[in-house]
Structure formats: C-alpha cells, structure tokens
C-alpha cells in the first residue's frame, strides 16, 4: 500500500527505514532535542521498530520524497474503530524541515484517512513552543481544542538558554520542576473535506 502525494510517498514503515533514520540530522534548538532520532545499536533499532509496528491499535509509515529519500515517519495510535478516531504523531529529519514535506504528508494522509479508512476524527498533541509544527498542523486543517501543562522532557534545561528565553511564555516552573504547555488539536472528516 502506497499513498502518493505530489512530492511525498507514504508507505508502511519498514525496518530498512529505521536504519535510514540513523543518518538523519539533529535539531540545534535545545527545546527540540527530544525529536532527534536516538543513537541505537542494531538490536535496539529492531526493538524500537517492533514497539512502533506491533499491535492492532496503531499504524506507522515512512515518508519518502520523490527521490526515494526517507524524510520522515508518521503514525496513528490509539485507533478506535467504533468511534472512528485516532491520534497522529509525526517526526521529520531535521535536514528536510521547512520544505513543505510535513504539510503535504499530513494532508495527503488525511485524504486517505477520511476517504479510504472512513475515519471521522484525527487528534494530535503539540508543544506550544513548537511554532513550526503548529503552523503545519493549522495549514492541514487542525484546530486547537484544549491546552494543558505537562512535565518537560529535560528537567536539567539551562534557563539562560536563548531558545528557552525566546519561548519562556510556553513554560511554567513550579516546585523546582519545569512544565510546558501542550495544545491538543483535532481535525474532523466533515471540515477537512469541506476545505478541500
């Protein structure tokens, strides 16, 4: 199964894709370090792949460009067949961001998700400080439905870091712990197809 856009092809995630992720770049923004693909040996890579692809309530895909280069991966999890909803996750190689691949991958996938899979709603969560991702999701038809605080992945973050200072309003420090605001977003079949 392949889902084709103008510049991207979305296909079920393969172990070969995971090996390609080792060659991905790194985010320089310290707030995005959690999105860097972790350094893993072959055994750990296979374990990571199994966690992502094993089970009936999730589906993961590799995203390649027309040159056949793996530029990202995406998945839906918490698939609820009766409610016809799921939660989206998407990660792109930092070497291939700001090229429109993310927006195209999401809108191409949403077309498949709503028309072929006959789903009704897709949810996602994104950190308030991740402005680039937020713009991508809004362009794809997602709207904010909730905002909540979550514990930040890096509790040892340098509070003089320029990336942190630029996004300080996205954080709360309480009882010595660092929290950041998370937007919950959704797109539904009716509004997505109406826009398209």
N, C-alpha and C. Protein backbone atom coordinates (compact mmCIF):
# COMPACT_ATOMS: atom_id res chain seq x y z
N UNK A 1 0.84 -1.19 0.00
CA UNK A 1 0.00 0.00 0.00
C UNK A 1 0.89 1.25 0.00
N UNK A 2 0.64 2.13 -0.94
CA UNK A 2 1.35 3.41 -1.00
C UNK A 2 0.34 4.53 -1.14
N UNK A 3 0.57 5.62 -0.42
CA UNK A 3 -0.28 6.81 -0.52
C UNK A 3 0.61 7.88 -1.16
N UNK A 4 0.23 8.31 -2.35
CA UNK A 4 1.10 9.22 -3.09
C UNK A 4 0.57 10.65 -3.09
N UNK A 5 1.48 11.58 -2.76
CA UNK A 5 1.21 13.00 -2.91
C UNK A 5 1.99 13.51 -4.10
N UNK A 6 2.06 14.82 -4.26
CA UNK A 6 2.82 15.38 -5.38
C UNK A 6 4.31 15.14 -5.20
N UNK A 7 4.80 15.30 -3.94
CA UNK A 7 6.24 15.18 -3.70
C UNK A 7 6.60 14.13 -2.66
N UNK A 8 5.61 13.52 -2.03
CA UNK A 8 5.90 12.52 -1.00
C UNK A 8 5.15 11.21 -1.27
N UNK A 9 5.73 10.13 -0.77
CA UNK A 9 5.08 8.82 -0.81
C UNK A 9 5.06 8.29 0.62
N UNK A 10 3.88 7.89 1.07
CA UNK A 10 3.70 7.36 2.42
C UNK A 10 3.42 5.87 2.29
N UNK A 11 4.24 5.06 2.98
CA UNK A 11 4.09 3.60 2.89
C UNK A 11 4.36 3.00 4.27
N UNK A 12 3.83 1.79 4.54
CA UNK A 12 4.07 1.18 5.85
C UNK A 12 5.55 1.18 6.22
N UNK A 13 5.84 1.51 7.47
CA UNK A 13 7.22 1.61 7.96
C UNK A 13 7.92 0.25 7.88
N UNK A 14 9.12 0.25 7.30
CA UNK A 14 9.93 -0.97 7.18
C UNK A 14 11.17 -0.83 8.05
N UNK A 15 11.77 -1.96 8.41
CA UNK A 15 12.99 -1.93 9.23
C UNK A 15 14.11 -1.18 8.50
N UNK A 16 14.13 -1.26 7.16
CA UNK A 16 15.14 -0.52 6.38
C UNK A 16 15.00 0.99 6.60
N UNK A 17 13.75 1.45 6.77
CA UNK A 17 13.51 2.87 7.03
C UNK A 17 14.19 3.28 8.33
N UNK A 18 14.07 2.42 9.34
CA UNK A 18 14.63 2.74 10.66
C UNK A 18 16.16 2.85 10.57
N UNK A 19 16.79 1.98 9.77
CA UNK A 19 18.24 2.09 9.58
C UNK A 19 18.60 3.42 8.93
N UNK A 20 17.76 3.90 8.00
CA UNK A 20 18.00 5.19 7.34
C UNK A 20 17.94 6.35 8.34
N UNK A 21 17.13 6.20 9.38
CA UNK A 21 16.96 7.29 10.36
C UNK A 21 18.25 7.58 11.12
N UNK A 22 19.17 6.62 11.13
CA UNK A 22 20.48 6.84 11.77
C UNK A 22 21.25 7.97 11.10
N UNK A 23 20.94 8.21 9.83
CA UNK A 23 21.67 9.23 9.06
C UNK A 23 21.01 10.60 9.14
N UNK A 24 19.93 10.71 9.89
CA UNK A 24 19.22 11.99 9.99
C UNK A 24 20.07 13.03 10.72
N UNK A 25 19.73 14.29 10.47
CA UNK A 25 20.41 15.40 11.15
C UNK A 25 19.90 15.57 12.58
N UNK A 26 20.37 16.63 13.22
CA UNK A 26 19.97 16.94 14.60
C UNK A 26 19.41 18.34 14.69
N UNK A 27 18.40 18.48 15.52
CA UNK A 27 17.86 19.82 15.81
C UNK A 27 18.86 20.57 16.67
N UNK A 28 19.18 21.79 16.27
CA UNK A 28 20.06 22.63 17.09
C UNK A 28 19.29 23.26 18.22
N UNK A 29 18.01 23.49 18.02
CA UNK A 29 17.14 24.07 19.06
C UNK A 29 17.06 23.09 20.23
N UNK A 30 17.52 23.52 21.39
CA UNK A 30 17.56 22.64 22.57
C UNK A 30 16.16 22.18 23.00
N UNK A 31 15.13 22.95 22.66
CA UNK A 31 13.76 22.57 23.03
C UNK A 31 13.27 21.37 22.21
N UNK A 32 13.93 21.13 21.06
CA UNK A 32 13.50 20.07 20.16
C UNK A 32 14.38 18.82 20.23
N UNK A 33 15.29 18.78 21.20
CA UNK A 33 16.23 17.64 21.30
C UNK A 33 15.50 16.30 21.43
N UNK A 34 14.33 16.31 22.03
CA UNK A 34 13.57 15.07 22.21
C UNK A 34 13.08 14.49 20.88
N UNK A 35 13.11 15.32 19.82
CA UNK A 35 12.66 14.86 18.49
C UNK A 35 13.80 14.27 17.67
N UNK A 36 15.05 14.39 18.18
CA UNK A 36 16.19 13.79 17.46
C UNK A 36 16.10 12.28 17.56
N UNK A 37 16.43 11.60 16.45
CA UNK A 37 16.38 10.15 16.46
C UNK A 37 17.49 9.64 17.38
N UNK A 38 17.15 8.78 18.36
CA UNK A 38 18.16 8.36 19.33
C UNK A 38 19.23 7.45 18.73
N UNK A 39 20.41 7.49 19.32
CA UNK A 39 21.51 6.62 18.90
C UNK A 39 21.24 5.22 19.46
N UNK A 40 21.16 4.22 18.56
CA UNK A 40 20.83 2.86 18.98
C UNK A 40 21.67 1.84 18.22
N UNK A 41 21.96 0.71 18.87
CA UNK A 41 22.62 -0.38 18.16
C UNK A 41 21.56 -1.16 17.37
N UNK A 42 21.98 -2.15 16.58
CA UNK A 42 21.04 -2.88 15.72
C UNK A 42 19.93 -3.55 16.50
N UNK A 43 20.27 -4.15 17.64
CA UNK A 43 19.28 -4.83 18.47
C UNK A 43 18.23 -3.84 19.00
N UNK A 44 18.71 -2.67 19.44
CA UNK A 44 17.79 -1.63 19.94
C UNK A 44 16.91 -1.08 18.83
N UNK A 45 17.48 -0.95 17.62
CA UNK A 45 16.70 -0.48 16.47
C UNK A 45 15.55 -1.44 16.18
N UNK A 46 15.84 -2.74 16.22
CA UNK A 46 14.80 -3.74 15.97
C UNK A 46 13.73 -3.69 17.05
N UNK A 47 14.15 -3.47 18.29
CA UNK A 47 13.20 -3.34 19.40
C UNK A 47 12.31 -2.12 19.22
N UNK A 48 12.92 -0.99 18.82
CA UNK A 48 12.17 0.25 18.58
C UNK A 48 11.13 0.03 17.48
N UNK A 49 11.58 -0.63 16.40
CA UNK A 49 10.69 -0.91 15.27
C UNK A 49 9.51 -1.78 15.70
N UNK A 50 9.79 -2.79 16.50
CA UNK A 50 8.75 -3.70 16.96
C UNK A 50 7.71 -2.98 17.82
N UNK A 51 8.20 -2.10 18.71
CA UNK A 51 7.29 -1.31 19.57
C UNK A 51 6.37 -0.45 18.71
N UNK A 52 6.93 0.15 17.66
CA UNK A 52 6.13 1.04 16.80
C UNK A 52 5.12 0.27 15.95
N UNK A 53 5.49 -0.91 15.47
CA UNK A 53 4.67 -1.57 14.46
C UNK A 53 3.84 -2.74 14.97
N UNK A 54 4.10 -3.21 16.19
CA UNK A 54 3.37 -4.37 16.69
C UNK A 54 2.10 -3.94 17.42
N UNK A 55 0.99 -4.53 17.06
CA UNK A 55 -0.28 -4.21 17.72
C UNK A 55 -1.31 -3.71 16.73
N UNK A 56 -2.56 -3.92 17.09
CA UNK A 56 -3.64 -3.56 16.15
C UNK A 56 -4.16 -2.14 16.32
N UNK A 57 -3.76 -1.46 17.41
CA UNK A 57 -4.32 -0.12 17.63
C UNK A 57 -3.41 0.99 17.13
N UNK A 58 -2.43 0.63 16.25
CA UNK A 58 -1.54 1.64 15.70
C UNK A 58 -1.04 1.23 14.32
N UNK A 59 -0.67 2.23 13.54
CA UNK A 59 -0.10 2.02 12.21
C UNK A 59 0.98 3.07 11.99
N UNK A 60 2.16 2.64 11.56
CA UNK A 60 3.26 3.57 11.31
C UNK A 60 3.72 3.50 9.86
N UNK A 61 4.17 4.67 9.36
CA UNK A 61 4.52 4.82 7.95
C UNK A 61 5.83 5.57 7.79
N UNK A 62 6.56 5.22 6.75
CA UNK A 62 7.72 6.01 6.35
C UNK A 62 7.27 7.02 5.31
N UNK A 63 7.88 8.19 5.31
CA UNK A 63 7.56 9.23 4.32
C UNK A 63 8.82 9.47 3.50
N UNK A 64 8.74 9.17 2.20
CA UNK A 64 9.89 9.40 1.32
C UNK A 64 9.55 10.49 0.31
N UNK A 65 10.59 11.17 -0.16
CA UNK A 65 10.35 12.16 -1.22
C UNK A 65 10.45 11.45 -2.57
N UNK A 66 10.26 12.17 -3.64
CA UNK A 66 10.24 11.57 -4.97
C UNK A 66 11.60 11.00 -5.39
N UNK A 67 12.66 11.44 -4.69
CA UNK A 67 14.00 10.90 -4.98
C UNK A 67 14.24 9.61 -4.20
N UNK A 68 13.25 9.17 -3.42
CA UNK A 68 13.38 7.94 -2.66
C UNK A 68 14.08 8.09 -1.32
N UNK A 69 14.28 9.33 -0.89
CA UNK A 69 14.96 9.61 0.39
C UNK A 69 13.92 9.63 1.51
N UNK A 70 14.19 8.88 2.59
CA UNK A 70 13.28 8.90 3.74
C UNK A 70 13.42 10.24 4.44
N UNK A 71 12.36 11.03 4.44
CA UNK A 71 12.41 12.37 5.04
C UNK A 71 11.68 12.44 6.38
N UNK A 72 10.89 11.42 6.70
CA UNK A 72 10.17 11.44 7.96
C UNK A 72 9.42 10.14 8.20
N UNK A 73 8.81 10.05 9.36
CA UNK A 73 7.90 8.95 9.63
C UNK A 73 6.70 9.50 10.38
N UNK A 74 5.59 8.82 10.25
CA UNK A 74 4.37 9.25 10.91
C UNK A 74 3.57 8.02 11.32
N UNK A 75 2.68 8.22 12.24
CA UNK A 75 1.86 7.09 12.67
C UNK A 75 0.57 7.54 13.31
N UNK A 76 -0.37 6.62 13.33
CA UNK A 76 -1.58 6.86 14.11
C UNK A 76 -1.61 5.79 15.20
N UNK A 77 -1.97 6.21 16.40
CA UNK A 77 -2.07 5.27 17.52
C UNK A 77 -3.40 5.50 18.23
N UNK A 78 -3.67 4.66 19.22
CA UNK A 78 -4.97 4.71 19.92
C UNK A 78 -6.13 4.68 18.93
N UNK A 79 -6.00 3.81 17.92
CA UNK A 79 -7.05 3.71 16.91
C UNK A 79 -8.30 3.13 17.55
N UNK A 80 -9.39 3.90 17.44
CA UNK A 80 -10.67 3.45 17.99
C UNK A 80 -11.61 3.24 16.81
N UNK A 81 -11.80 1.98 16.44
CA UNK A 81 -12.56 1.66 15.22
C UNK A 81 -14.04 2.03 15.34
N UNK A 82 -14.60 1.88 16.54
CA UNK A 82 -16.03 2.19 16.71
C UNK A 82 -16.25 3.70 16.68
N UNK A 83 -15.41 4.46 17.41
CA UNK A 83 -15.52 5.92 17.41
C UNK A 83 -14.97 6.53 16.12
N UNK A 84 -14.18 5.71 15.39
CA UNK A 84 -13.54 6.16 14.14
C UNK A 84 -12.62 7.35 14.37
N UNK A 85 -11.75 7.21 15.39
CA UNK A 85 -10.76 8.26 15.66
C UNK A 85 -9.43 7.64 16.06
N UNK A 86 -8.38 8.45 15.94
CA UNK A 86 -7.03 8.03 16.30
C UNK A 86 -6.22 9.28 16.63
N UNK A 87 -4.97 9.07 17.06
CA UNK A 87 -4.07 10.17 17.40
C UNK A 87 -2.85 10.12 16.49
N UNK A 88 -2.52 11.26 15.89
CA UNK A 88 -1.41 11.36 14.94
C UNK A 88 -0.10 11.72 15.63
N UNK A 89 0.99 11.13 15.16
CA UNK A 89 2.34 11.53 15.56
C UNK A 89 3.17 11.63 14.29
N UNK A 90 4.06 12.61 14.23
CA UNK A 90 4.86 12.78 13.02
C UNK A 90 6.23 13.35 13.39
N UNK A 91 7.28 12.79 12.80
CA UNK A 91 8.65 13.23 13.06
C UNK A 91 9.37 13.32 11.72
N UNK A 92 10.09 14.43 11.51
CA UNK A 92 10.82 14.60 10.25
C UNK A 92 12.30 14.79 10.49
N UNK A 93 13.09 14.33 9.52
CA UNK A 93 14.53 14.54 9.53
C UNK A 93 14.78 16.05 9.55
N UNK A 94 15.52 16.55 10.55
CA UNK A 94 15.79 18.00 10.61
C UNK A 94 16.41 18.55 9.32
N UNK A 95 17.08 17.68 8.54
CA UNK A 95 17.64 18.13 7.26
C UNK A 95 16.56 18.43 6.22
N UNK A 96 15.33 17.98 6.49
CA UNK A 96 14.26 18.14 5.49
C UNK A 96 13.04 18.87 6.02
N UNK A 97 13.24 19.70 7.06
CA UNK A 97 12.11 20.50 7.53
C UNK A 97 12.12 21.84 6.80
N UNK A 98 11.00 22.55 6.89
CA UNK A 98 10.81 23.84 6.21
C UNK A 98 10.86 23.71 4.69
N UNK A 99 10.47 22.54 4.18
CA UNK A 99 10.42 22.33 2.73
C UNK A 99 9.00 22.00 2.27
N UNK A 100 8.05 22.03 3.22
CA UNK A 100 6.66 21.74 2.87
C UNK A 100 6.32 20.26 2.88
N UNK A 101 7.30 19.40 3.18
CA UNK A 101 7.03 17.96 3.19
C UNK A 101 6.03 17.58 4.29
N UNK A 102 6.16 18.20 5.46
CA UNK A 102 5.28 17.86 6.58
C UNK A 102 3.82 18.14 6.27
N UNK A 103 3.54 19.34 5.78
CA UNK A 103 2.16 19.71 5.45
C UNK A 103 1.61 18.81 4.36
N UNK A 104 2.43 18.55 3.33
CA UNK A 104 1.96 17.68 2.24
C UNK A 104 1.71 16.25 2.74
N UNK A 105 2.61 15.74 3.59
CA UNK A 105 2.44 14.38 4.11
C UNK A 105 1.14 14.28 4.92
N UNK A 106 0.88 15.29 5.74
CA UNK A 106 -0.33 15.25 6.58
C UNK A 106 -1.59 15.36 5.73
N UNK A 107 -1.65 16.32 4.81
CA UNK A 107 -2.87 16.48 4.01
C UNK A 107 -3.09 15.28 3.09
N UNK A 108 -2.00 14.72 2.56
CA UNK A 108 -2.12 13.52 1.72
C UNK A 108 -2.65 12.36 2.55
N UNK A 109 -2.12 12.22 3.76
CA UNK A 109 -2.56 11.13 4.63
C UNK A 109 -4.01 11.35 5.09
N UNK A 110 -4.37 12.59 5.40
CA UNK A 110 -5.76 12.86 5.84
C UNK A 110 -6.77 12.49 4.77
N UNK A 111 -6.42 12.73 3.52
CA UNK A 111 -7.28 12.33 2.41
C UNK A 111 -7.55 10.83 2.44
N UNK A 112 -6.49 10.06 2.65
CA UNK A 112 -6.59 8.60 2.75
C UNK A 112 -7.36 8.20 4.02
N UNK A 113 -7.02 8.84 5.12
CA UNK A 113 -7.60 8.53 6.44
C UNK A 113 -9.13 8.71 6.42
N UNK A 114 -9.59 9.81 5.86
CA UNK A 114 -11.03 10.09 5.85
C UNK A 114 -11.76 9.38 4.72
N UNK A 115 -11.16 9.30 3.53
CA UNK A 115 -11.86 8.72 2.38
C UNK A 115 -11.74 7.20 2.27
N UNK A 116 -10.53 6.68 2.52
CA UNK A 116 -10.32 5.23 2.38
C UNK A 116 -10.57 4.47 3.68
N UNK A 117 -10.04 5.00 4.78
CA UNK A 117 -10.22 4.32 6.07
C UNK A 117 -11.59 4.62 6.69
N UNK A 118 -12.27 5.65 6.15
CA UNK A 118 -13.60 6.05 6.62
C UNK A 118 -13.61 6.47 8.09
N UNK A 119 -12.51 7.09 8.53
CA UNK A 119 -12.43 7.58 9.91
C UNK A 119 -13.11 8.95 10.01
N UNK A 120 -13.44 9.35 11.24
CA UNK A 120 -14.18 10.61 11.45
C UNK A 120 -13.34 11.73 12.03
N UNK A 121 -12.41 11.40 12.96
CA UNK A 121 -11.65 12.42 13.67
C UNK A 121 -10.20 11.99 13.84
N UNK A 122 -9.28 12.96 13.70
CA UNK A 122 -7.88 12.69 14.00
C UNK A 122 -7.41 13.74 15.01
N UNK A 123 -6.78 13.27 16.07
CA UNK A 123 -6.29 14.13 17.14
C UNK A 123 -4.77 14.19 17.09
N UNK A 124 -4.20 15.20 17.73
CA UNK A 124 -2.76 15.24 17.93
C UNK A 124 -2.46 16.17 19.09
N UNK A 125 -1.23 16.09 19.60
CA UNK A 125 -0.78 16.98 20.65
C UNK A 125 0.54 17.58 20.20
N UNK A 126 0.72 18.88 20.49
CA UNK A 126 1.94 19.57 20.08
C UNK A 126 2.32 20.59 21.15
N UNK A 127 3.62 20.69 21.43
CA UNK A 127 4.11 21.67 22.39
C UNK A 127 3.85 23.08 21.87
N UNK A 128 3.40 23.96 22.75
CA UNK A 128 3.10 25.35 22.37
C UNK A 128 4.33 26.04 21.77
N UNK A 129 5.54 25.69 22.26
CA UNK A 129 6.75 26.34 21.75
C UNK A 129 7.13 25.88 20.35
N UNK A 130 6.54 24.77 19.87
CA UNK A 130 6.89 24.23 18.56
C UNK A 130 6.08 24.92 17.46
N UNK A 131 6.42 26.19 17.23
CA UNK A 131 5.64 27.05 16.32
C UNK A 131 5.58 26.51 14.89
N UNK A 132 6.71 25.97 14.41
CA UNK A 132 6.76 25.45 13.04
C UNK A 132 5.77 24.31 12.86
N UNK A 133 5.76 23.38 13.82
CA UNK A 133 4.83 22.25 13.75
C UNK A 133 3.38 22.74 13.86
N UNK A 134 3.16 23.69 14.74
CA UNK A 134 1.81 24.24 14.94
C UNK A 134 1.27 24.84 13.65
N UNK A 135 2.11 25.61 12.94
CA UNK A 135 1.69 26.21 11.66
C UNK A 135 1.36 25.12 10.64
N UNK A 136 2.18 24.07 10.61
CA UNK A 136 1.97 22.95 9.70
C UNK A 136 0.61 22.29 9.97
N UNK A 137 0.30 22.06 11.24
CA UNK A 137 -0.97 21.40 11.60
C UNK A 137 -2.16 22.30 11.27
N UNK A 138 -2.02 23.59 11.53
CA UNK A 138 -3.12 24.52 11.22
C UNK A 138 -3.37 24.57 9.71
N UNK A 139 -2.27 24.59 8.93
CA UNK A 139 -2.41 24.59 7.46
C UNK A 139 -3.09 23.31 6.97
N UNK A 140 -2.93 22.23 7.73
CA UNK A 140 -3.52 20.94 7.35
C UNK A 140 -4.96 20.79 7.80
N UNK A 141 -5.48 21.78 8.54
CA UNK A 141 -6.89 21.75 8.94
C UNK A 141 -7.15 21.48 10.41
N UNK A 142 -6.10 21.27 11.21
CA UNK A 142 -6.28 21.02 12.64
C UNK A 142 -6.61 22.32 13.37
N UNK A 143 -7.45 22.20 14.39
CA UNK A 143 -7.79 23.35 15.25
C UNK A 143 -7.51 22.97 16.70
N UNK A 144 -7.13 23.97 17.50
CA UNK A 144 -6.86 23.75 18.93
C UNK A 144 -8.17 23.52 19.67
N UNK A 145 -8.20 22.45 20.48
CA UNK A 145 -9.41 22.17 21.27
C UNK A 145 -9.14 22.19 22.77
N UNK A 146 -7.84 22.20 23.16
CA UNK A 146 -7.53 22.20 24.59
C UNK A 146 -6.07 22.62 24.78
N UNK A 147 -5.76 23.05 26.00
CA UNK A 147 -4.40 23.43 26.38
C UNK A 147 -4.15 22.91 27.78
N UNK A 148 -3.01 22.23 27.99
CA UNK A 148 -2.71 21.73 29.33
C UNK A 148 -1.21 21.77 29.58
N UNK A 149 -0.82 21.65 30.84
CA UNK A 149 0.59 21.65 31.23
C UNK A 149 1.07 20.22 31.38
N UNK A 150 2.30 19.96 30.90
CA UNK A 150 2.91 18.64 31.02
C UNK A 150 4.35 18.81 31.46
N UNK A 151 4.89 17.82 32.11
CA UNK A 151 6.29 17.87 32.57
C UNK A 151 7.21 17.89 31.35
N UNK A 152 8.14 18.82 31.30
CA UNK A 152 9.07 18.95 30.18
C UNK A 152 10.08 17.80 30.22
N UNK A 153 10.46 17.29 29.03
CA UNK A 153 11.33 16.11 28.96
C UNK A 153 12.71 16.36 29.58
N UNK A 154 13.20 17.62 29.52
CA UNK A 154 14.54 17.93 30.03
C UNK A 154 14.44 18.76 31.31
N UNK A 155 14.47 18.10 32.45
CA UNK A 155 14.37 18.81 33.72
C UNK A 155 15.67 19.53 34.10
N UNK A 156 16.74 19.30 33.35
CA UNK A 156 18.02 19.97 33.62
C UNK A 156 18.27 21.11 32.63
N UNK A 157 17.22 21.58 31.97
CA UNK A 157 17.40 22.61 30.96
C UNK A 157 18.04 23.87 31.55
N UNK A 158 18.94 24.45 30.77
CA UNK A 158 19.59 25.71 31.15
C UNK A 158 18.59 26.84 30.95
N UNK A 159 18.21 27.50 32.04
CA UNK A 159 17.19 28.55 31.96
C UNK A 159 17.74 29.88 31.41
N UNK A 160 19.03 29.87 31.01
CA UNK A 160 19.58 31.04 30.32
C UNK A 160 19.72 30.75 28.82
N UNK A 161 19.31 29.53 28.40
CA UNK A 161 19.38 29.12 27.00
C UNK A 161 18.53 30.07 26.15
N UNK A 162 19.10 30.61 25.05
CA UNK A 162 18.33 31.56 24.21
C UNK A 162 17.04 30.97 23.63
N UNK A 163 17.05 29.66 23.31
CA UNK A 163 15.82 29.04 22.77
C UNK A 163 14.73 29.03 23.84
N UNK A 164 15.13 28.75 25.09
CA UNK A 164 14.16 28.77 26.19
C UNK A 164 13.66 30.19 26.43
N UNK A 165 14.57 31.16 26.48
CA UNK A 165 14.18 32.55 26.76
C UNK A 165 13.21 33.08 25.71
N UNK A 166 13.42 32.66 24.45
CA UNK A 166 12.54 33.10 23.36
C UNK A 166 11.12 32.54 23.53
N UNK A 167 11.01 31.37 24.14
CA UNK A 167 9.71 30.70 24.30
C UNK A 167 9.28 30.59 25.77
N UNK A 168 9.80 31.47 26.60
CA UNK A 168 9.58 31.39 28.05
C UNK A 168 8.09 31.33 28.42
N UNK A 169 7.25 32.01 27.64
CA UNK A 169 5.81 32.04 27.94
C UNK A 169 5.14 30.67 27.75
N UNK A 170 5.86 29.73 27.12
CA UNK A 170 5.33 28.37 26.91
C UNK A 170 5.63 27.45 28.10
N UNK A 171 6.34 27.99 29.09
CA UNK A 171 6.79 27.18 30.23
C UNK A 171 6.29 27.71 31.56
N UNK A 172 6.22 26.80 32.52
CA UNK A 172 5.91 27.16 33.91
C UNK A 172 6.88 26.39 34.79
N UNK A 173 7.48 27.08 35.74
CA UNK A 173 8.36 26.40 36.70
C UNK A 173 7.64 26.41 38.05
N UNK A 174 7.40 25.20 38.56
CA UNK A 174 6.61 25.06 39.79
C UNK A 174 7.27 24.01 40.68
N UNK A 175 7.51 24.36 41.92
CA UNK A 175 8.15 23.45 42.89
C UNK A 175 9.45 22.86 42.33
N UNK A 176 10.22 23.69 41.63
CA UNK A 176 11.50 23.25 41.10
C UNK A 176 11.42 22.36 39.86
N UNK A 177 10.22 22.16 39.35
CA UNK A 177 10.04 21.32 38.15
C UNK A 177 9.63 22.20 36.96
N UNK A 178 10.04 21.76 35.76
CA UNK A 178 9.76 22.52 34.54
C UNK A 178 8.60 21.86 33.79
N UNK A 179 7.58 22.65 33.50
CA UNK A 179 6.42 22.19 32.75
C UNK A 179 6.29 23.03 31.48
N UNK A 180 5.72 22.43 30.44
CA UNK A 180 5.44 23.22 29.24
C UNK A 180 4.00 23.00 28.79
N UNK A 181 3.47 24.02 28.12
CA UNK A 181 2.09 23.95 27.63
C UNK A 181 2.02 23.08 26.38
N UNK A 182 0.98 22.27 26.33
CA UNK A 182 0.71 21.38 25.19
C UNK A 182 -0.67 21.72 24.62
N UNK A 183 -0.72 21.91 23.31
CA UNK A 183 -2.01 22.07 22.64
C UNK A 183 -2.53 20.70 22.22
N UNK A 184 -3.80 20.47 22.46
CA UNK A 184 -4.49 19.31 21.90
C UNK A 184 -5.25 19.84 20.69
N UNK A 185 -5.10 19.16 19.55
CA UNK A 185 -5.72 19.63 18.31
C UNK A 185 -6.52 18.51 17.67
N UNK A 186 -7.45 18.90 16.81
CA UNK A 186 -8.20 17.88 16.08
C UNK A 186 -8.63 18.39 14.72
N UNK A 187 -8.85 17.43 13.82
CA UNK A 187 -9.46 17.72 12.52
C UNK A 187 -10.52 16.64 12.32
N UNK A 188 -11.67 17.04 11.80
CA UNK A 188 -12.70 16.04 11.54
C UNK A 188 -12.98 15.94 10.05
N UNK A 189 -13.55 14.83 9.68
CA UNK A 189 -13.78 14.50 8.27
C UNK A 189 -14.58 15.59 7.54
N UNK A 190 -15.66 16.02 8.17
CA UNK A 190 -16.56 16.99 7.54
C UNK A 190 -15.83 18.30 7.22
N UNK A 191 -15.11 18.87 8.20
CA UNK A 191 -14.45 20.15 7.97
C UNK A 191 -13.27 20.00 7.01
N UNK A 192 -12.53 18.88 7.08
CA UNK A 192 -11.40 18.68 6.18
C UNK A 192 -11.86 18.57 4.73
N UNK A 193 -12.89 17.76 4.49
CA UNK A 193 -13.37 17.57 3.11
C UNK A 193 -14.03 18.84 2.57
N UNK A 194 -14.66 19.60 3.46
CA UNK A 194 -15.28 20.87 3.06
C UNK A 194 -14.21 21.87 2.59
N UNK A 195 -13.09 21.92 3.33
CA UNK A 195 -11.98 22.83 2.97
C UNK A 195 -11.33 22.40 1.66
N UNK A 196 -11.30 21.11 1.39
CA UNK A 196 -10.65 20.59 0.20
C UNK A 196 -11.61 20.63 -1.00
